Amino acid sequence: MRILIGDDHLLFREGLRRLLEQLGADNSFADASTFDEVLAMVEAGEVFDLILIDLQMPGWPGFSGIEQLCGTVPDTPVVVVSASESQGDVRASLDAGASGYIPKSSSVKIMLSALHLVLAGGIYLPPSVIGADTAAATTANGGAPQRIAATAQLLTQRQWEVLSCLREGKSNKQIAYELGLSEGTVKIHVTAIFKTLGVKNRTQAVIVASELQRQ
């Protein structure tokens, strides 16, 4: 794999590189210390299988930067690796299209497991966020899994397709392209999904969808 590591701390980049070598002996790496360097690499056509990026690195434009990256390389998972453990930052990152959010305080085992999940097409959320959002989503739906399932039956086939794309961490732009819809139509479907499931954001919708698949 070719992996891009975007972080303004050299020691962290070097440590992360050594950790990522455990994903495969043939992995190769590229480093960037600013957001502009990250963006320049992907816009220049360099091909990466995985992009890891820190929040608040020099040149960081906000969460729109994640949207920009995901829009430029829609088939490459972008994972945030940050010192922040704010639920707001986690949700904003996923809403912008990130395929995962890994706190820098995570153990080596957790970080490797998270990356394996992302590379397999899943979405990684910190356990603290999963617990908080599951509780919130369940409370919003009356506190009963059966009620969540019953409510979910109100989703249309198209909304299920959009929800499936949300579970894969795709942005509205990516969903629109894949399903042959306009971005405006995708936004309407996403809003309807949130209302039907009784959730407030993509993270909660993904959690509810995951619960439904296990039922």
N, C-alpha and C. Protein backbone atom coordinates (compact mmCIF):
# COMPACT_ATOMS: atom_id res chain seq x y z
N MET A 1 0.84 -1.19 0.00
CA MET A 1 0.00 0.00 0.00
C MET A 1 0.88 1.25 0.00
N ARG A 2 0.32 2.31 -0.52
CA ARG A 2 0.96 3.63 -0.49
C ARG A 2 0.15 4.47 0.49
N ILE A 3 0.80 4.96 1.55
CA ILE A 3 0.10 5.66 2.62
C ILE A 3 0.65 7.07 2.78
N LEU A 4 -0.24 8.04 2.86
CA LEU A 4 0.14 9.44 3.09
C LEU A 4 -0.15 9.80 4.54
N ILE A 5 0.86 10.31 5.23
CA ILE A 5 0.71 10.72 6.63
C ILE A 5 0.83 12.23 6.70
N GLY A 6 -0.25 12.89 7.09
CA GLY A 6 -0.25 14.34 7.22
C GLY A 6 -0.29 14.76 8.68
N ASP A 7 0.82 15.26 9.19
CA ASP A 7 0.90 15.70 10.58
C ASP A 7 2.10 16.64 10.70
N ASP A 8 1.95 17.71 11.49
CA ASP A 8 3.05 18.68 11.57
C ASP A 8 4.12 18.31 12.59
N HIS A 9 3.99 17.17 13.27
CA HIS A 9 5.00 16.73 14.23
C HIS A 9 5.81 15.59 13.64
N LEU A 10 7.08 15.85 13.38
CA LEU A 10 7.95 14.86 12.75
C LEU A 10 8.04 13.57 13.57
N LEU A 11 8.19 13.70 14.89
CA LEU A 11 8.32 12.51 15.72
C LEU A 11 7.08 11.64 15.64
N PHE A 12 5.91 12.27 15.60
CA PHE A 12 4.67 11.48 15.50
C PHE A 12 4.59 10.79 14.14
N ARG A 13 4.97 11.49 13.08
CA ARG A 13 4.94 10.88 11.75
C ARG A 13 5.85 9.66 11.70
N GLU A 14 7.04 9.81 12.29
CA GLU A 14 7.98 8.69 12.28
C GLU A 14 7.45 7.51 13.10
N GLY A 15 6.85 7.81 14.25
CA GLY A 15 6.27 6.75 15.08
C GLY A 15 5.12 6.07 14.39
N LEU A 16 4.29 6.86 13.72
CA LEU A 16 3.14 6.30 13.00
C LEU A 16 3.61 5.44 11.83
N ARG A 17 4.66 5.87 11.19
CA ARG A 17 5.19 5.09 10.07
C ARG A 17 5.65 3.71 10.55
N ARG A 18 6.35 3.67 11.68
CA ARG A 18 6.81 2.38 12.21
C ARG A 18 5.63 1.49 12.57
N LEU A 19 4.57 2.11 13.12
CA LEU A 19 3.38 1.34 13.46
C LEU A 19 2.71 0.79 12.20
N LEU A 20 2.62 1.61 11.17
CA LEU A 20 1.92 1.22 9.95
C LEU A 20 2.68 0.16 9.16
N GLU A 21 3.96 0.03 9.42
CA GLU A 21 4.73 -1.02 8.75
C GLU A 21 4.20 -2.40 9.11
N GLN A 22 3.46 -2.47 10.25
CA GLN A 22 2.88 -3.75 10.66
C GLN A 22 1.69 -4.15 9.78
N LEU A 23 1.17 -3.20 9.00
CA LEU A 23 0.06 -3.52 8.10
C LEU A 23 0.53 -4.28 6.87
N GLY A 24 1.83 -4.19 6.59
CA GLY A 24 2.36 -4.88 5.42
C GLY A 24 3.81 -4.51 5.18
N ALA A 25 4.62 -5.50 4.88
CA ALA A 25 6.06 -5.25 4.70
C ALA A 25 6.36 -4.42 3.46
N ASP A 26 5.45 -4.44 2.48
CA ASP A 26 5.71 -3.72 1.23
C ASP A 26 5.10 -2.33 1.19
N ASN A 27 4.62 -1.85 2.32
CA ASN A 27 4.02 -0.53 2.35
C ASN A 27 5.05 0.56 2.07
N SER A 28 4.63 1.61 1.40
CA SER A 28 5.48 2.78 1.19
C SER A 28 4.75 4.00 1.71
N PHE A 29 5.52 5.05 2.05
CA PHE A 29 4.92 6.18 2.74
C PHE A 29 5.33 7.51 2.12
N ALA A 30 4.45 8.50 2.31
CA ALA A 30 4.74 9.88 1.96
C ALA A 30 4.35 10.72 3.15
N ASP A 31 5.12 11.75 3.43
CA ASP A 31 4.87 12.61 4.58
C ASP A 31 4.49 14.01 4.14
N ALA A 32 3.66 14.67 4.95
CA ALA A 32 3.30 16.07 4.72
C ALA A 32 3.15 16.73 6.08
N SER A 33 3.67 17.94 6.21
CA SER A 33 3.60 18.63 7.50
C SER A 33 2.55 19.74 7.51
N THR A 34 1.95 20.03 6.35
CA THR A 34 0.90 21.03 6.28
C THR A 34 -0.26 20.49 5.44
N PHE A 35 -1.43 21.08 5.63
CA PHE A 35 -2.58 20.64 4.84
C PHE A 35 -2.36 20.94 3.36
N ASP A 36 -1.74 22.07 3.07
CA ASP A 36 -1.49 22.42 1.67
C ASP A 36 -0.63 21.38 0.99
N GLU A 37 0.36 20.81 1.72
CA GLU A 37 1.20 19.77 1.15
C GLU A 37 0.39 18.51 0.86
N VAL A 38 -0.51 18.16 1.79
CA VAL A 38 -1.38 17.00 1.58
C VAL A 38 -2.21 17.20 0.33
N LEU A 39 -2.85 18.34 0.23
CA LEU A 39 -3.73 18.61 -0.90
C LEU A 39 -2.96 18.65 -2.21
N ALA A 40 -1.76 19.24 -2.18
CA ALA A 40 -0.95 19.34 -3.39
C ALA A 40 -0.58 17.94 -3.91
N MET A 41 -0.29 17.03 -2.99
CA MET A 41 0.07 15.66 -3.41
C MET A 41 -1.08 14.96 -4.10
N VAL A 42 -2.27 15.05 -3.51
CA VAL A 42 -3.40 14.34 -4.12
C VAL A 42 -3.86 15.03 -5.40
N GLU A 43 -3.78 16.35 -5.45
CA GLU A 43 -4.19 17.06 -6.65
C GLU A 43 -3.20 16.86 -7.79
N ALA A 44 -1.94 16.53 -7.43
CA ALA A 44 -0.92 16.27 -8.45
C ALA A 44 -1.08 14.87 -9.06
N GLY A 45 -2.01 14.10 -8.50
CA GLY A 45 -2.28 12.78 -9.06
C GLY A 45 -1.55 11.64 -8.40
N GLU A 46 -0.85 11.93 -7.28
CA GLU A 46 -0.19 10.83 -6.57
C GLU A 46 -1.26 9.88 -6.04
N VAL A 47 -1.03 8.60 -6.21
CA VAL A 47 -2.03 7.60 -5.83
C VAL A 47 -1.71 7.05 -4.44
N PHE A 48 -2.70 7.12 -3.56
CA PHE A 48 -2.56 6.59 -2.19
C PHE A 48 -3.70 5.62 -1.91
N ASP A 49 -3.39 4.63 -1.10
CA ASP A 49 -4.42 3.66 -0.68
C ASP A 49 -5.05 4.07 0.65
N LEU A 50 -4.37 4.98 1.35
CA LEU A 50 -4.85 5.43 2.66
C LEU A 50 -4.24 6.78 2.96
N ILE A 51 -5.07 7.70 3.48
CA ILE A 51 -4.58 9.02 3.89
C ILE A 51 -4.92 9.23 5.36
N LEU A 52 -3.91 9.53 6.15
CA LEU A 52 -4.08 9.84 7.57
C LEU A 52 -3.79 11.32 7.76
N ILE A 53 -4.68 12.02 8.45
CA ILE A 53 -4.51 13.46 8.57
C ILE A 53 -4.87 13.93 9.98
N ASP A 54 -4.10 14.88 10.46
CA ASP A 54 -4.35 15.48 11.77
C ASP A 54 -5.27 16.68 11.60
N LEU A 55 -5.97 17.03 12.66
CA LEU A 55 -6.75 18.26 12.66
C LEU A 55 -5.85 19.40 13.13
N GLN A 56 -6.15 20.60 12.70
CA GLN A 56 -5.45 21.80 13.14
C GLN A 56 -3.99 21.84 12.72
N MET A 57 -3.59 21.09 11.69
CA MET A 57 -2.23 21.21 11.18
C MET A 57 -2.11 22.53 10.41
N PRO A 58 -0.90 23.06 10.22
CA PRO A 58 -0.73 24.34 9.50
C PRO A 58 -1.47 24.33 8.17
N GLY A 59 -2.22 25.41 7.91
CA GLY A 59 -2.99 25.51 6.68
C GLY A 59 -4.34 24.84 6.75
N TRP A 60 -4.68 24.28 7.91
CA TRP A 60 -5.94 23.55 8.07
C TRP A 60 -7.12 24.49 7.85
N PRO A 61 -7.97 24.21 6.84
CA PRO A 61 -9.09 25.11 6.53
C PRO A 61 -10.37 24.79 7.28
N GLY A 62 -10.31 23.85 8.20
CA GLY A 62 -11.52 23.39 8.87
C GLY A 62 -11.97 22.09 8.23
N PHE A 63 -13.14 21.63 8.63
CA PHE A 63 -13.60 20.32 8.16
C PHE A 63 -13.92 20.30 6.66
N SER A 64 -14.00 21.48 6.07
CA SER A 64 -14.17 21.52 4.61
C SER A 64 -12.94 20.94 3.93
N GLY A 65 -11.80 20.93 4.64
CA GLY A 65 -10.59 20.35 4.09
C GLY A 65 -10.75 18.85 3.87
N ILE A 66 -11.45 18.19 4.79
CA ILE A 66 -11.70 16.76 4.63
C ILE A 66 -12.61 16.54 3.43
N GLU A 67 -13.64 17.36 3.29
CA GLU A 67 -14.53 17.26 2.13
C GLU A 67 -13.75 17.42 0.84
N GLN A 68 -12.81 18.37 0.85
CA GLN A 68 -12.01 18.64 -0.35
C GLN A 68 -11.15 17.42 -0.70
N LEU A 69 -10.53 16.83 0.31
CA LEU A 69 -9.71 15.64 0.08
C LEU A 69 -10.55 14.48 -0.45
N CYS A 70 -11.66 14.23 0.23
CA CYS A 70 -12.52 13.11 -0.17
C CYS A 70 -13.10 13.32 -1.56
N GLY A 71 -13.36 14.56 -1.91
CA GLY A 71 -13.87 14.85 -3.24
C GLY A 71 -12.81 14.68 -4.32
N THR A 72 -11.55 14.94 -3.95
CA THR A 72 -10.45 14.82 -4.91
C THR A 72 -10.08 13.36 -5.15
N VAL A 73 -10.08 12.58 -4.07
CA VAL A 73 -9.74 11.14 -4.19
C VAL A 73 -10.85 10.33 -3.53
N PRO A 74 -12.02 10.24 -4.15
CA PRO A 74 -13.19 9.61 -3.53
C PRO A 74 -13.01 8.12 -3.22
N ASP A 75 -12.07 7.47 -3.88
CA ASP A 75 -11.88 6.03 -3.64
C ASP A 75 -10.81 5.74 -2.59
N THR A 76 -10.22 6.78 -2.03
CA THR A 76 -9.17 6.60 -1.01
C THR A 76 -9.72 6.96 0.36
N PRO A 77 -9.70 6.04 1.32
CA PRO A 77 -10.19 6.38 2.66
C PRO A 77 -9.31 7.41 3.34
N VAL A 78 -9.96 8.40 3.94
CA VAL A 78 -9.28 9.44 4.70
C VAL A 78 -9.62 9.24 6.17
N VAL A 79 -8.59 9.09 7.00
CA VAL A 79 -8.80 8.83 8.43
C VAL A 79 -8.16 9.95 9.24
N VAL A 80 -8.91 10.50 10.17
CA VAL A 80 -8.38 11.54 11.05
C VAL A 80 -7.68 10.87 12.23
N VAL A 81 -6.46 11.28 12.51
CA VAL A 81 -5.72 10.83 13.69
C VAL A 81 -5.40 12.08 14.48
N SER A 82 -6.10 12.29 15.58
CA SER A 82 -6.02 13.57 16.28
C SER A 82 -5.91 13.42 17.79
N ALA A 83 -5.31 14.44 18.41
CA ALA A 83 -5.24 14.48 19.87
C ALA A 83 -6.59 14.83 20.48
N SER A 84 -7.46 15.44 19.68
CA SER A 84 -8.79 15.81 20.16
C SER A 84 -9.67 14.57 20.29
N GLU A 85 -10.39 14.49 21.39
CA GLU A 85 -11.35 13.40 21.57
C GLU A 85 -12.76 13.96 21.69
N SER A 86 -12.93 15.18 21.19
CA SER A 86 -14.23 15.83 21.21
C SER A 86 -15.21 15.11 20.31
N GLN A 87 -16.40 14.80 20.84
CA GLN A 87 -17.43 14.15 20.03
C GLN A 87 -17.83 15.03 18.85
N GLY A 88 -17.76 16.34 19.06
CA GLY A 88 -18.08 17.26 17.98
C GLY A 88 -17.11 17.14 16.82
N ASP A 89 -15.81 16.99 17.14
CA ASP A 89 -14.80 16.84 16.09
C ASP A 89 -14.98 15.52 15.36
N VAL A 90 -15.31 14.47 16.12
CA VAL A 90 -15.53 13.15 15.50
C VAL A 90 -16.69 13.22 14.52
N ARG A 91 -17.80 13.78 14.96
CA ARG A 91 -19.00 13.85 14.11
C ARG A 91 -18.76 14.71 12.89
N ALA A 92 -18.08 15.87 13.10
CA ALA A 92 -17.83 16.78 11.98
C ALA A 92 -16.91 16.12 10.96
N SER A 93 -15.95 15.35 11.42
CA SER A 93 -15.03 14.67 10.50
C SER A 93 -15.77 13.64 9.66
N LEU A 94 -16.64 12.85 10.29
CA LEU A 94 -17.39 11.83 9.56
C LEU A 94 -18.40 12.47 8.62
N ASP A 95 -19.03 13.54 9.08
CA ASP A 95 -19.98 14.24 8.22
C ASP A 95 -19.30 14.80 6.98
N ALA A 96 -18.00 15.13 7.12
CA ALA A 96 -17.24 15.69 5.99
C ALA A 96 -16.75 14.60 5.05
N GLY A 97 -16.92 13.32 5.46
CA GLY A 97 -16.54 12.23 4.57
C GLY A 97 -15.42 11.34 5.05
N ALA A 98 -14.87 11.61 6.24
CA ALA A 98 -13.79 10.76 6.76
C ALA A 98 -14.29 9.34 6.99
N SER A 99 -13.41 8.36 6.80
CA SER A 99 -13.77 6.96 6.99
C SER A 99 -13.47 6.48 8.41
N GLY A 100 -12.91 7.33 9.21
CA GLY A 100 -12.62 6.94 10.59
C GLY A 100 -12.01 8.09 11.36
N TYR A 101 -12.03 7.95 12.67
CA TYR A 101 -11.45 8.96 13.56
C TYR A 101 -10.74 8.22 14.68
N ILE A 102 -9.43 8.34 14.75
CA ILE A 102 -8.64 7.61 15.74
C ILE A 102 -7.95 8.60 16.67
N PRO A 103 -8.29 8.60 17.96
CA PRO A 103 -7.60 9.48 18.90
C PRO A 103 -6.13 9.06 19.03
N LYS A 104 -5.25 10.03 19.18
CA LYS A 104 -3.83 9.72 19.32
C LYS A 104 -3.52 8.98 20.62
N SER A 105 -4.46 9.01 21.54
CA SER A 105 -4.27 8.30 22.81
C SER A 105 -4.54 6.80 22.67
N SER A 106 -5.00 6.37 21.48
CA SER A 106 -5.33 4.95 21.27
C SER A 106 -4.08 4.08 21.35
N SER A 107 -4.27 2.84 21.77
CA SER A 107 -3.17 1.88 21.82
C SER A 107 -2.81 1.44 20.40
N VAL A 108 -1.64 0.83 20.26
CA VAL A 108 -1.21 0.32 18.97
C VAL A 108 -2.21 -0.71 18.45
N LYS A 109 -2.69 -1.58 19.33
CA LYS A 109 -3.64 -2.62 18.93
C LYS A 109 -4.92 -2.01 18.39
N ILE A 110 -5.43 -1.00 19.09
CA ILE A 110 -6.68 -0.36 18.65
C ILE A 110 -6.48 0.36 17.32
N MET A 111 -5.35 1.06 17.19
CA MET A 111 -5.11 1.79 15.95
C MET A 111 -5.00 0.84 14.76
N LEU A 112 -4.30 -0.27 14.92
CA LEU A 112 -4.18 -1.23 13.83
C LEU A 112 -5.53 -1.86 13.49
N SER A 113 -6.30 -2.19 14.52
CA SER A 113 -7.63 -2.77 14.29
C SER A 113 -8.52 -1.78 13.57
N ALA A 114 -8.43 -0.50 13.96
CA ALA A 114 -9.23 0.53 13.32
C ALA A 114 -8.88 0.66 11.84
N LEU A 115 -7.60 0.62 11.52
CA LEU A 115 -7.18 0.77 10.13
C LEU A 115 -7.54 -0.46 9.30
N HIS A 116 -7.46 -1.63 9.91
CA HIS A 116 -7.90 -2.85 9.21
C HIS A 116 -9.39 -2.73 8.86
N LEU A 117 -10.19 -2.20 9.79
CA LEU A 117 -11.62 -2.04 9.55
C LEU A 117 -11.87 -1.06 8.40
N VAL A 118 -11.17 0.06 8.42
CA VAL A 118 -11.34 1.07 7.37
C VAL A 118 -10.93 0.51 6.02
N LEU A 119 -9.79 -0.19 5.98
CA LEU A 119 -9.30 -0.74 4.71
C LEU A 119 -10.23 -1.83 4.17
N ALA A 120 -11.03 -2.42 5.07
CA ALA A 120 -12.00 -3.43 4.65
C ALA A 120 -13.32 -2.79 4.19
N GLY A 121 -13.37 -1.45 4.24
CA GLY A 121 -14.56 -0.75 3.77
C GLY A 121 -15.48 -0.27 4.87
N GLY A 122 -15.07 -0.43 6.14
CA GLY A 122 -15.90 0.00 7.25
C GLY A 122 -15.58 1.41 7.72
N ILE A 123 -16.24 1.81 8.79
CA ILE A 123 -16.03 3.12 9.40
C ILE A 123 -15.63 2.90 10.85
N TYR A 124 -14.55 3.56 11.29
CA TYR A 124 -14.13 3.39 12.67
C TYR A 124 -14.51 4.62 13.50
N LEU A 125 -15.16 4.35 14.62
CA LEU A 125 -15.51 5.40 15.59
C LEU A 125 -14.90 5.04 16.94
N PRO A 126 -14.41 6.02 17.70
CA PRO A 126 -13.91 5.75 19.04
C PRO A 126 -15.03 5.16 19.90
N PRO A 127 -14.73 4.20 20.77
CA PRO A 127 -15.76 3.57 21.62
C PRO A 127 -16.59 4.57 22.41
N SER A 128 -15.97 5.66 22.86
CA SER A 128 -16.71 6.64 23.67
C SER A 128 -17.81 7.29 22.85
N VAL A 129 -17.55 7.52 21.58
CA VAL A 129 -18.56 8.14 20.71
C VAL A 129 -19.65 7.14 20.37
N ILE A 130 -19.27 5.90 20.13
CA ILE A 130 -20.27 4.86 19.83
C ILE A 130 -21.24 4.73 21.00
N GLY A 131 -20.69 4.70 22.22
CA GLY A 131 -21.55 4.55 23.39
C GLY A 131 -22.49 5.72 23.56
N ALA A 132 -21.96 6.93 23.39
CA ALA A 132 -22.78 8.13 23.57
C ALA A 132 -23.85 8.22 22.49
N ASP A 133 -23.48 7.94 21.24
CA ASP A 133 -24.44 8.07 20.15
C ASP A 133 -25.46 6.95 20.14
N THR A 134 -25.06 5.75 20.55
CA THR A 134 -26.03 4.66 20.64
C THR A 134 -27.09 4.99 21.67
N ALA A 135 -26.65 5.52 22.82
CA ALA A 135 -27.60 5.90 23.87
C ALA A 135 -28.52 7.01 23.38
N ALA A 136 -27.93 7.99 22.67
CA ALA A 136 -28.74 9.10 22.18
C ALA A 136 -29.74 8.63 21.14
N ALA A 137 -29.28 7.79 20.23
CA ALA A 137 -30.17 7.30 19.17
C ALA A 137 -31.28 6.44 19.75
N THR A 138 -30.94 5.59 20.72
CA THR A 138 -31.94 4.73 21.33
C THR A 138 -32.97 5.56 22.10
N THR A 139 -32.48 6.56 22.84
CA THR A 139 -33.38 7.44 23.59
C THR A 139 -34.31 8.18 22.65
N ALA A 140 -33.74 8.66 21.53
CA ALA A 140 -34.55 9.41 20.56
C ALA A 140 -35.64 8.56 19.95
N ASN A 141 -35.43 7.26 19.92
CA ASN A 141 -36.41 6.36 19.32
C ASN A 141 -37.25 5.62 20.35
N GLY A 142 -37.31 6.15 21.57
CA GLY A 142 -38.18 5.56 22.57
C GLY A 142 -37.50 4.51 23.43
N GLY A 143 -36.20 4.31 23.24
CA GLY A 143 -35.44 3.43 24.12
C GLY A 143 -35.58 1.96 23.83
N ALA A 144 -36.18 1.57 22.72
CA ALA A 144 -36.38 0.14 22.44
C ALA A 144 -35.88 -0.22 21.06
N PRO A 145 -35.02 -1.25 20.94
CA PRO A 145 -34.54 -1.68 19.64
C PRO A 145 -35.67 -2.05 18.70
N GLN A 146 -36.74 -2.63 19.25
CA GLN A 146 -37.86 -3.02 18.40
C GLN A 146 -38.49 -1.79 17.74
N ARG A 147 -38.53 -0.71 18.52
CA ARG A 147 -39.13 0.50 17.95
C ARG A 147 -38.23 1.09 16.87
N ILE A 148 -36.90 0.99 17.06
CA ILE A 148 -35.98 1.46 16.04
C ILE A 148 -36.21 0.69 14.75
N ALA A 149 -36.32 -0.65 14.87
CA ALA A 149 -36.53 -1.49 13.71
C ALA A 149 -37.85 -1.15 13.02
N ALA A 150 -38.89 -0.93 13.81
CA ALA A 150 -40.20 -0.60 13.24
C ALA A 150 -40.14 0.74 12.51
N THR A 151 -39.45 1.69 13.12
CA THR A 151 -39.32 3.01 12.49
C THR A 151 -38.55 2.91 11.19
N ALA A 152 -37.49 2.08 11.18
CA ALA A 152 -36.65 1.94 10.00
C ALA A 152 -37.43 1.39 8.81
N GLN A 153 -38.50 0.65 9.07
CA GLN A 153 -39.30 0.09 7.98
C GLN A 153 -39.99 1.19 7.16
N LEU A 154 -40.01 2.40 7.72
CA LEU A 154 -40.63 3.51 7.02
C LEU A 154 -39.71 4.10 5.96
N LEU A 155 -38.43 3.68 5.95
CA LEU A 155 -37.50 4.19 4.95
C LEU A 155 -37.83 3.61 3.58
N THR A 156 -37.68 4.44 2.56
CA THR A 156 -37.89 3.97 1.19
C THR A 156 -36.65 3.19 0.72
N GLN A 157 -36.79 2.49 -0.40
CA GLN A 157 -35.65 1.75 -0.95
C GLN A 157 -34.49 2.69 -1.25
N ARG A 158 -34.79 3.85 -1.81
CA ARG A 158 -33.74 4.82 -2.13
C ARG A 158 -33.06 5.32 -0.87
N GLN A 159 -33.84 5.55 0.18
CA GLN A 159 -33.25 6.01 1.44
C GLN A 159 -32.34 4.94 2.05
N TRP A 160 -32.72 3.66 1.88
CA TRP A 160 -31.85 2.58 2.35
C TRP A 160 -30.54 2.59 1.58
N GLU A 161 -30.61 2.87 0.28
CA GLU A 161 -29.40 2.93 -0.54
C GLU A 161 -28.50 4.07 -0.06
N VAL A 162 -29.11 5.21 0.24
CA VAL A 162 -28.34 6.36 0.74
C VAL A 162 -27.74 6.03 2.11
N LEU A 163 -28.54 5.38 2.98
CA LEU A 163 -28.07 5.01 4.31
C LEU A 163 -26.90 4.04 4.21
N SER A 164 -26.97 3.11 3.26
CA SER A 164 -25.88 2.17 3.05
C SER A 164 -24.60 2.91 2.66
N CYS A 165 -24.74 3.93 1.85
CA CYS A 165 -23.58 4.74 1.46
C CYS A 165 -23.03 5.52 2.65
N LEU A 166 -23.91 5.99 3.52
CA LEU A 166 -23.47 6.70 4.73
C LEU A 166 -22.64 5.77 5.61
N ARG A 167 -23.06 4.50 5.71
CA ARG A 167 -22.32 3.52 6.51
C ARG A 167 -20.92 3.31 5.96
N GLU A 168 -20.75 3.51 4.66
CA GLU A 168 -19.45 3.32 4.04
C GLU A 168 -18.61 4.60 4.10
N GLY A 169 -19.15 5.63 4.77
CA GLY A 169 -18.39 6.86 4.96
C GLY A 169 -18.34 7.77 3.76
N LYS A 170 -19.28 7.61 2.83
CA LYS A 170 -19.24 8.40 1.60
C LYS A 170 -19.87 9.78 1.81
N SER A 171 -19.30 10.76 1.14
CA SER A 171 -19.82 12.12 1.20
C SER A 171 -21.06 12.24 0.33
N ASN A 172 -21.79 13.35 0.48
CA ASN A 172 -22.98 13.57 -0.35
C ASN A 172 -22.61 13.56 -1.83
N LYS A 173 -21.46 14.13 -2.15
CA LYS A 173 -21.02 14.17 -3.55
C LYS A 173 -20.78 12.77 -4.09
N GLN A 174 -20.13 11.93 -3.28
CA GLN A 174 -19.88 10.56 -3.70
C GLN A 174 -21.17 9.77 -3.86
N ILE A 175 -22.10 9.98 -2.91
CA ILE A 175 -23.39 9.28 -2.97
C ILE A 175 -24.15 9.70 -4.23
N ALA A 176 -24.13 11.00 -4.51
CA ALA A 176 -24.83 11.50 -5.69
C ALA A 176 -24.28 10.84 -6.96
N TYR A 177 -22.97 10.75 -7.05
CA TYR A 177 -22.33 10.14 -8.23
C TYR A 177 -22.69 8.67 -8.35
N GLU A 178 -22.62 7.95 -7.22
CA GLU A 178 -22.85 6.50 -7.24
C GLU A 178 -24.29 6.15 -7.56
N LEU A 179 -25.24 6.95 -7.03
CA LEU A 179 -26.65 6.63 -7.21
C LEU A 179 -27.29 7.38 -8.38
N GLY A 180 -26.51 8.23 -9.03
CA GLY A 180 -27.06 8.97 -10.17
C GLY A 180 -28.05 10.04 -9.76
N LEU A 181 -27.79 10.68 -8.61
CA LEU A 181 -28.67 11.73 -8.10
C LEU A 181 -27.94 13.06 -8.05
N SER A 182 -28.68 14.13 -7.86
CA SER A 182 -28.04 15.42 -7.62
C SER A 182 -27.69 15.51 -6.14
N GLU A 183 -26.72 16.36 -5.81
CA GLU A 183 -26.35 16.52 -4.40
C GLU A 183 -27.53 17.05 -3.59
N GLY A 184 -28.34 17.90 -4.22
CA GLY A 184 -29.51 18.43 -3.52
C GLY A 184 -30.48 17.33 -3.15
N THR A 185 -30.69 16.38 -4.06
CA THR A 185 -31.58 15.25 -3.79
C THR A 185 -31.02 14.38 -2.67
N VAL A 186 -29.71 14.18 -2.69
CA VAL A 186 -29.07 13.38 -1.63
C VAL A 186 -29.29 14.04 -0.27
N LYS A 187 -29.12 15.35 -0.21
CA LYS A 187 -29.33 16.07 1.05
C LYS A 187 -30.76 15.90 1.55
N ILE A 188 -31.72 15.92 0.62
CA ILE A 188 -33.13 15.73 1.00
C ILE A 188 -33.31 14.33 1.60
N HIS A 189 -32.72 13.32 0.96
CA HIS A 189 -32.83 11.94 1.47
C HIS A 189 -32.16 11.82 2.84
N VAL A 190 -30.99 12.43 3.00
CA VAL A 190 -30.27 12.35 4.28
C VAL A 190 -31.11 12.98 5.39
N THR A 191 -31.70 14.14 5.09
CA THR A 191 -32.55 14.81 6.08
C THR A 191 -33.74 13.93 6.45
N ALA A 192 -34.35 13.30 5.45
CA ALA A 192 -35.50 12.42 5.70
C ALA A 192 -35.09 11.21 6.53
N ILE A 193 -33.90 10.66 6.26
CA ILE A 193 -33.39 9.51 7.03
C ILE A 193 -33.22 9.90 8.49
N PHE A 194 -32.59 11.05 8.72
CA PHE A 194 -32.39 11.52 10.10
C PHE A 194 -33.73 11.65 10.82
N LYS A 195 -34.71 12.24 10.14
CA LYS A 195 -36.02 12.46 10.74
C LYS A 195 -36.71 11.13 11.05
N THR A 196 -36.65 10.20 10.10
CA THR A 196 -37.30 8.91 10.29
C THR A 196 -36.67 8.10 11.41
N LEU A 197 -35.34 8.10 11.47
CA LEU A 197 -34.64 7.32 12.50
C LEU A 197 -34.57 8.06 13.84
N GLY A 198 -34.93 9.34 13.83
CA GLY A 198 -34.89 10.10 15.07
C GLY A 198 -33.48 10.42 15.53
N VAL A 199 -32.56 10.63 14.56
CA VAL A 199 -31.17 10.94 14.90
C VAL A 199 -30.84 12.35 14.44
N LYS A 200 -29.67 12.83 14.89
CA LYS A 200 -29.31 14.21 14.61
C LYS A 200 -28.14 14.36 13.64
N ASN A 201 -27.40 13.29 13.39
CA ASN A 201 -26.23 13.41 12.54
C ASN A 201 -25.89 12.07 11.90
N ARG A 202 -24.90 12.08 11.02
CA ARG A 202 -24.49 10.88 10.29
C ARG A 202 -23.99 9.79 11.23
N THR A 203 -23.27 10.19 12.25
CA THR A 203 -22.71 9.21 13.17
C THR A 203 -23.83 8.39 13.81
N GLN A 204 -24.86 9.05 14.31
CA GLN A 204 -25.97 8.35 14.94
C GLN A 204 -26.70 7.48 13.92
N ALA A 205 -26.84 7.98 12.68
CA ALA A 205 -27.52 7.20 11.64
C ALA A 205 -26.74 5.93 11.34
N VAL A 206 -25.41 6.03 11.30
CA VAL A 206 -24.57 4.85 11.05
C VAL A 206 -24.70 3.84 12.18
N ILE A 207 -24.75 4.34 13.42
CA ILE A 207 -24.88 3.45 14.57
C ILE A 207 -26.21 2.70 14.50
N VAL A 208 -27.30 3.41 14.22
CA VAL A 208 -28.60 2.78 14.13
C VAL A 208 -28.62 1.76 12.99
N ALA A 209 -28.04 2.11 11.86
CA ALA A 209 -28.00 1.19 10.72
C ALA A 209 -27.23 -0.08 11.08
N SER A 210 -26.16 0.07 11.82
CA SER A 210 -25.36 -1.09 12.25
C SER A 210 -26.18 -1.98 13.20
N GLU A 211 -26.94 -1.34 14.10
CA GLU A 211 -27.79 -2.10 15.01
C GLU A 211 -28.86 -2.87 14.24
N LEU A 212 -29.42 -2.24 13.22
CA LEU A 212 -30.47 -2.89 12.44
C LEU A 212 -29.94 -4.10 11.69
N GLN A 213 -28.70 -4.01 11.22
CA GLN A 213 -28.13 -5.14 10.49
C GLN A 213 -27.91 -6.35 11.38
N ARG A 214 -27.74 -6.10 12.68
CA ARG A 214 -27.51 -7.22 13.61
C ARG A 214 -28.81 -7.85 14.06
N GLN A 215 -29.94 -7.20 13.79
CA GLN A 215 -31.24 -7.72 14.26
C GLN A 215 -31.81 -8.72 13.27
